[in-house]
Amino acid sequence: MGDMSLWHDFLDDVHATKSDNTYKNYRNALRYFKDGSLDEIKLFLENDLADSTKKQTLKVLCIALEYNDMYDKAHKKLIKSYRPNVTIQECPTDKDVELVWGNLLTHRDRAMFALMAYNGLRVGEVVGLDMDDILNGHRLRLRNTKGKRDAIIPLVHPRVLSSLKAYIKERKSESPALFLNHRGVRMSCNGLAQFIRNEFHDNGLAFHAHSLRRYFANTLSRNGIPVQDIQVAMRHASITTTMGYLNIDEDKTRDILREVYGHVL
């Protein structure tokens, strides 16, 4: 860490066009690189930083190198060679979800929770919903999803349908936003994420909002849905992303191995 002169123009541009927080994050990331050389990057990859920090730092470095016309094939190959350790994230069980569901107090809370658990909606997709996104025929329009595409999804699960119907019936606001906070304005991403985390925590569970999307994917998988169809339901561009959501089912794996190797035992 030291001289930042190589990145001076880049950081000035970031400071002028991005938020203060983004500028600080970019500046902190580039402290690790004085000249952006291959040897310097190799040394960085060998340090003991957390994988998440390395991944974010390398992302910033790529942007800065490209800005300085330094992002050549050698840099790209070296940076792309980094493979963070991927830890298997625990997934809520049916029992966990039932426990939280039984303690949700309002129709609004149940509707948000149900859309995430039984349709796999992301936090941003839930809070971005407007009243006119609820379409005829038990369908829901998602605007500008993570892949920057609109999507129309079916609403099938009884808990999704009943909780949405009850919430809309009692809702009095003229706001176009579907889900409102206690001040009567659109629920924020941070607000929803914290709400879900708190609900899990209050029931003795260490899960978070995105755990419900993982639960949705694994529920489909446990019920024999092919991974290609789960990819469609999750609205993933890559099947590799979908595979990252699916937890290994030890019982299923054991049954498969017994079926294959049972004759030699």
Protein backbone atom coordinates (compact mmCIF):
# COMPACT_ATOMS: atom_id res chain seq x y z
CA MET A 1 0.00 0.00 0.00
CA GLY A 2 1.32 3.47 -0.77
CA ASP A 3 1.50 5.78 -3.81
CA MET A 4 -1.92 6.28 -5.41
CA SER A 5 -0.77 8.53 -8.27
CA LEU A 6 -1.52 5.93 -10.96
CA TRP A 7 -5.19 6.02 -9.99
CA HIS A 8 -5.47 9.78 -9.45
CA ASP A 9 -7.47 10.61 -12.59
CA PHE A 10 -9.69 7.56 -12.20
CA LEU A 11 -10.50 8.37 -8.58
CA ASP A 12 -11.16 12.02 -9.44
CA ASP A 13 -13.68 10.85 -12.05
CA VAL A 14 -15.31 8.49 -9.53
CA HIS A 15 -15.49 11.29 -6.97
CA ALA A 16 -17.22 13.55 -9.48
CA THR A 17 -19.75 11.01 -10.72
CA LYS A 18 -20.39 8.54 -7.90
CA SER A 19 -21.47 8.74 -4.27
CA ASP A 20 -19.00 9.54 -1.49
CA ASN A 21 -19.37 6.01 -0.19
CA THR A 22 -18.49 4.51 -3.59
CA TYR A 23 -15.48 6.83 -3.86
CA LYS A 24 -14.20 5.75 -0.43
CA ASN A 25 -14.68 2.07 -1.27
CA TYR A 26 -12.82 2.43 -4.57
CA ARG A 27 -10.00 4.38 -2.95
CA ASN A 28 -9.63 1.79 -0.19
CA ALA A 29 -9.56 -1.03 -2.75
CA LEU A 30 -6.84 0.58 -4.87
CA ARG A 31 -4.55 1.12 -1.86
CA TYR A 32 -3.31 -2.41 -2.45
CA PHE A 33 -1.96 -1.57 -5.90
CA LYS A 34 0.83 0.93 -6.58
CA ASP A 35 1.48 0.08 -10.23
CA GLY A 36 -1.16 -2.51 -11.14
CA SER A 37 1.52 -4.92 -12.33
CA LEU A 38 1.00 -8.66 -12.64
CA ASP A 39 3.50 -9.31 -9.84
CA GLU A 40 1.64 -6.91 -7.58
CA ILE A 41 -1.66 -8.66 -8.27
CA LYS A 42 -0.08 -12.07 -7.60
CA LEU A 43 1.11 -10.83 -4.20
CA PHE A 44 -2.37 -9.53 -3.46
CA LEU A 45 -3.93 -12.90 -4.28
CA GLU A 46 -1.63 -14.57 -1.75
CA ASN A 47 -2.61 -12.39 1.21
CA ASP A 48 -4.99 -13.41 3.99
CA LEU A 49 -7.91 -11.10 3.23
CA ALA A 50 -11.41 -12.54 3.27
CA ASP A 51 -12.57 -13.93 -0.07
CA SER A 52 -15.39 -11.40 -0.25
CA THR A 53 -12.90 -8.53 0.20
CA LYS A 54 -10.59 -9.94 -2.45
CA LYS A 55 -13.46 -10.37 -4.89
CA GLN A 56 -14.70 -6.80 -4.44
CA THR A 57 -11.17 -5.35 -4.57
CA LEU A 58 -10.39 -7.16 -7.82
CA LYS A 59 -13.66 -5.91 -9.29
CA VAL A 60 -12.60 -2.32 -8.58
CA LEU A 61 -9.11 -3.00 -9.94
CA CYS A 62 -10.56 -4.25 -13.23
CA ILE A 63 -12.56 -1.04 -13.63
CA ALA A 64 -9.50 1.10 -12.82
CA LEU A 65 -7.22 -0.85 -15.16
CA GLU A 66 -9.73 -0.53 -17.97
CA TYR A 67 -10.01 3.21 -17.32
CA ASN A 68 -6.20 3.49 -17.65
CA ASP A 69 -6.09 1.25 -20.76
CA MET A 70 -4.09 -1.33 -18.81
CA TYR A 71 -6.58 -4.19 -18.77
CA ASP A 72 -4.81 -6.44 -21.27
CA LYS A 73 -5.12 -10.20 -21.81
CA ALA A 74 -2.47 -11.02 -19.21
CA HIS A 75 -4.23 -8.97 -16.52
CA LYS A 76 -7.59 -10.41 -17.45
CA LYS A 77 -6.28 -13.99 -17.35
CA LEU A 78 -4.62 -13.53 -13.96
CA ILE A 79 -7.60 -11.85 -12.32
CA LYS A 80 -10.05 -14.37 -13.75
CA SER A 81 -7.88 -17.18 -12.35
CA TYR A 82 -8.90 -16.21 -8.82
CA ARG A 83 -11.42 -18.66 -7.42
CA PRO A 84 -12.79 -17.78 -3.98
CA ASN A 85 -13.72 -20.54 -1.61
CA VAL A 86 -17.47 -21.02 -1.82
CA THR A 87 -18.99 -22.05 1.47
CA ILE A 88 -22.22 -24.03 1.44
CA GLN A 89 -24.92 -21.84 2.88
CA GLU A 90 -27.47 -23.42 5.15
CA CYS A 91 -31.03 -23.43 3.85
CA PRO A 92 -34.15 -23.01 6.01
CA THR A 93 -36.12 -26.23 6.42
CA ASP A 94 -39.87 -26.54 6.01
CA LYS A 95 -40.06 -26.60 9.81
CA ASP A 96 -38.11 -23.32 10.05
CA VAL A 97 -40.38 -21.60 7.54
CA GLU A 98 -43.49 -22.91 9.27
CA LEU A 99 -42.21 -21.56 12.59
CA VAL A 100 -41.67 -18.06 11.23
CA TRP A 101 -44.93 -18.10 9.24
CA GLY A 102 -46.90 -18.94 12.36
CA ASN A 103 -45.53 -15.87 14.13
CA LEU A 104 -46.04 -13.27 11.39
CA LEU A 105 -48.56 -10.74 12.66
CA THR A 106 -49.98 -8.92 9.64
CA HIS A 107 -51.28 -9.69 6.16
CA ARG A 108 -48.59 -7.40 4.73
CA ASP A 109 -45.82 -9.31 6.48
CA ARG A 110 -47.23 -12.66 5.35
CA ALA A 111 -47.59 -11.48 1.76
CA MET A 112 -43.96 -10.27 1.56
CA PHE A 113 -42.66 -13.42 3.23
CA ALA A 114 -44.78 -15.69 1.00
CA LEU A 115 -43.62 -14.04 -2.23
CA MET A 116 -40.01 -14.63 -1.21
CA ALA A 117 -40.44 -18.18 0.12
CA TYR A 118 -42.88 -19.54 -2.48
CA ASN A 119 -42.03 -17.50 -5.60
CA GLY A 120 -38.36 -16.81 -4.92
CA LEU A 121 -38.60 -13.03 -5.23
CA ARG A 122 -35.54 -10.98 -4.34
CA VAL A 123 -35.76 -8.17 -1.78
CA GLY A 124 -35.53 -5.50 -4.48
CA GLU A 125 -38.24 -7.16 -6.53
CA VAL A 126 -40.66 -7.22 -3.59
CA VAL A 127 -40.18 -3.59 -2.60
CA GLY A 128 -40.31 -2.50 -6.24
CA LEU A 129 -43.82 -3.86 -6.76
CA ASP A 130 -46.64 -1.45 -7.55
CA MET A 131 -50.35 -2.06 -7.17
CA ASP A 132 -50.78 -2.33 -10.93
CA ASP A 133 -48.18 -5.10 -11.09
CA ILE A 134 -50.82 -7.51 -9.78
CA LEU A 135 -52.32 -8.81 -13.01
CA ASN A 136 -55.44 -10.80 -13.81
CA GLY A 137 -55.17 -14.56 -13.76
CA HIS A 138 -53.05 -14.73 -10.60
CA ARG A 139 -49.98 -13.24 -12.25
CA LEU A 140 -47.40 -10.74 -11.08
CA ARG A 141 -45.27 -8.35 -13.12
CA LEU A 142 -41.69 -7.77 -12.01
CA ARG A 143 -40.14 -4.61 -13.41
CA ASN A 144 -36.43 -4.19 -14.13
CA THR A 145 -35.33 -7.34 -12.31
CA LYS A 146 -31.69 -8.17 -11.52
CA GLY A 147 -31.09 -9.07 -15.17
CA LYS A 148 -32.56 -5.68 -16.15
CA ARG A 149 -35.57 -7.38 -17.70
CA ASP A 150 -39.26 -7.28 -16.92
CA ALA A 151 -40.88 -10.62 -16.13
CA ILE A 152 -44.36 -11.98 -15.51
CA ILE A 153 -44.59 -14.82 -13.00
CA PRO A 154 -47.53 -17.01 -11.94
CA LEU A 155 -48.89 -16.89 -8.40
CA VAL A 156 -49.91 -20.39 -7.34
CA HIS A 157 -49.15 -21.11 -3.70
CA PRO A 158 -52.25 -20.71 -1.50
CA ARG A 159 -50.33 -18.65 1.06
CA VAL A 160 -49.24 -16.19 -1.62
CA LEU A 161 -52.76 -15.82 -2.97
CA SER A 162 -54.57 -15.58 0.37
CA SER A 163 -52.11 -13.21 2.05
CA LEU A 164 -52.00 -10.85 -0.94
CA LYS A 165 -55.79 -10.81 -1.20
CA ALA A 166 -56.19 -10.07 2.52
CA TYR A 167 -53.51 -7.37 2.48
CA ILE A 168 -54.96 -5.56 -0.53
CA LYS A 169 -58.45 -5.71 0.96
CA GLU A 170 -57.35 -3.93 4.16
CA ARG A 171 -54.93 -1.52 2.44
CA LYS A 172 -56.19 2.10 2.49
CA SER A 173 -53.33 4.10 0.92
CA GLU A 174 -53.44 5.84 -2.47
CA SER A 175 -49.71 5.18 -2.96
CA PRO A 176 -48.84 3.27 -6.14
CA ALA A 177 -46.36 1.17 -4.14
CA LEU A 178 -47.72 -2.23 -3.11
CA PHE A 179 -45.84 -2.66 0.15
CA LEU A 180 -45.67 0.31 2.51
CA ASN A 181 -43.80 0.82 5.76
CA HIS A 182 -45.27 2.21 8.98
CA ARG A 183 -44.88 5.77 7.62
CA GLY A 184 -47.06 4.98 4.62
CA VAL A 185 -44.27 5.14 2.04
CA ARG A 186 -42.71 2.40 -0.08
CA MET A 187 -40.85 -0.23 1.91
CA SER A 188 -37.09 0.07 1.40
CA CYS A 189 -34.71 -2.78 0.57
CA ASN A 190 -32.91 -2.29 3.88
CA GLY A 191 -36.20 -2.20 5.74
CA LEU A 192 -37.44 -5.47 4.23
CA ALA A 193 -34.09 -7.24 4.63
CA GLN A 194 -33.90 -6.22 8.28
CA PHE A 195 -37.50 -7.27 8.88
CA ILE A 196 -36.89 -10.78 7.51
CA ARG A 197 -33.65 -11.12 9.45
CA ASN A 198 -35.40 -10.04 12.64
CA GLU A 199 -38.24 -12.51 12.11
CA PHE A 200 -35.77 -15.37 11.74
CA HIS A 201 -33.72 -14.14 14.71
CA ASP A 202 -36.78 -13.78 16.94
CA ASN A 203 -37.57 -17.43 16.25
CA GLY A 204 -34.02 -18.55 17.09
CA LEU A 205 -32.88 -18.94 13.47
CA ALA A 206 -29.75 -17.45 11.90
CA PHE A 207 -31.09 -16.83 8.39
CA HIS A 208 -31.59 -13.70 6.29
CA ALA A 209 -33.81 -12.48 3.47
CA HIS A 210 -31.94 -14.22 0.64
CA SER A 211 -32.25 -17.51 2.55
CA LEU A 212 -35.88 -17.56 1.41
CA ARG A 213 -34.82 -17.53 -2.23
CA ARG A 214 -32.51 -20.46 -1.47
CA TYR A 215 -35.42 -22.19 0.26
CA PHE A 216 -37.55 -21.71 -2.86
CA ALA A 217 -34.89 -23.27 -5.12
CA ASN A 218 -34.30 -26.22 -2.82
CA THR A 219 -38.03 -26.85 -2.39
CA LEU A 220 -38.33 -27.24 -6.16
CA SER A 221 -35.26 -29.49 -6.24
CA ARG A 222 -36.51 -31.75 -3.41
CA ASN A 223 -39.76 -32.21 -5.31
CA GLY A 224 -37.96 -33.55 -8.37
CA ILE A 225 -38.01 -30.44 -10.57
CA PRO A 226 -35.12 -30.56 -13.11
CA VAL A 227 -32.42 -27.95 -12.60
CA GLN A 228 -33.16 -26.41 -16.02
CA ASP A 229 -36.72 -25.69 -14.88
CA ILE A 230 -35.50 -24.35 -11.55
CA GLN A 231 -33.26 -21.98 -13.51
CA VAL A 232 -36.33 -20.64 -15.32
CA ALA A 233 -38.29 -20.26 -12.06
CA MET A 234 -35.34 -18.45 -10.44
CA ARG A 235 -34.94 -16.24 -13.53
CA HIS A 236 -31.22 -16.96 -13.74
CA ALA A 237 -29.30 -16.29 -16.95
CA SER A 238 -26.82 -19.07 -16.12
CA ILE A 239 -27.54 -22.56 -14.85
CA THR A 240 -24.27 -22.33 -12.90
CA THR A 241 -25.84 -19.64 -10.74
CA THR A 242 -28.82 -21.89 -10.10
CA MET A 243 -26.57 -24.79 -9.10
CA GLY A 244 -24.98 -22.55 -6.47
CA TYR A 245 -28.35 -22.30 -4.70
CA LEU A 246 -28.94 -26.04 -4.44
CA ASN A 247 -27.77 -27.71 -1.26
CA ILE A 248 -26.60 -31.29 -1.32
CA ASP A 249 -29.33 -33.55 -0.01
CA GLU A 250 -27.44 -36.18 1.97
CA ASP A 251 -30.39 -38.57 2.13
CA LYS A 252 -30.98 -38.34 -1.61
CA THR A 253 -27.28 -38.83 -2.33
CA ARG A 254 -27.19 -41.86 -0.04
CA ASP A 255 -30.20 -43.39 -1.81
CA ILE A 256 -28.60 -42.83 -5.22
CA LEU A 257 -25.33 -44.42 -4.14
CA ARG A 258 -27.13 -47.40 -2.63
CA GLU A 259 -29.05 -47.85 -5.89
CA VAL A 260 -25.84 -47.74 -7.91
CA TYR A 261 -23.53 -49.70 -5.63
CA GLY A 262 -25.99 -51.87 -3.69
CA HIS A 263 -25.24 -54.93 -5.82
CA VAL A 264 -21.56 -54.92 -4.82
CA LEU A 265 -22.19 -54.71 -1.05
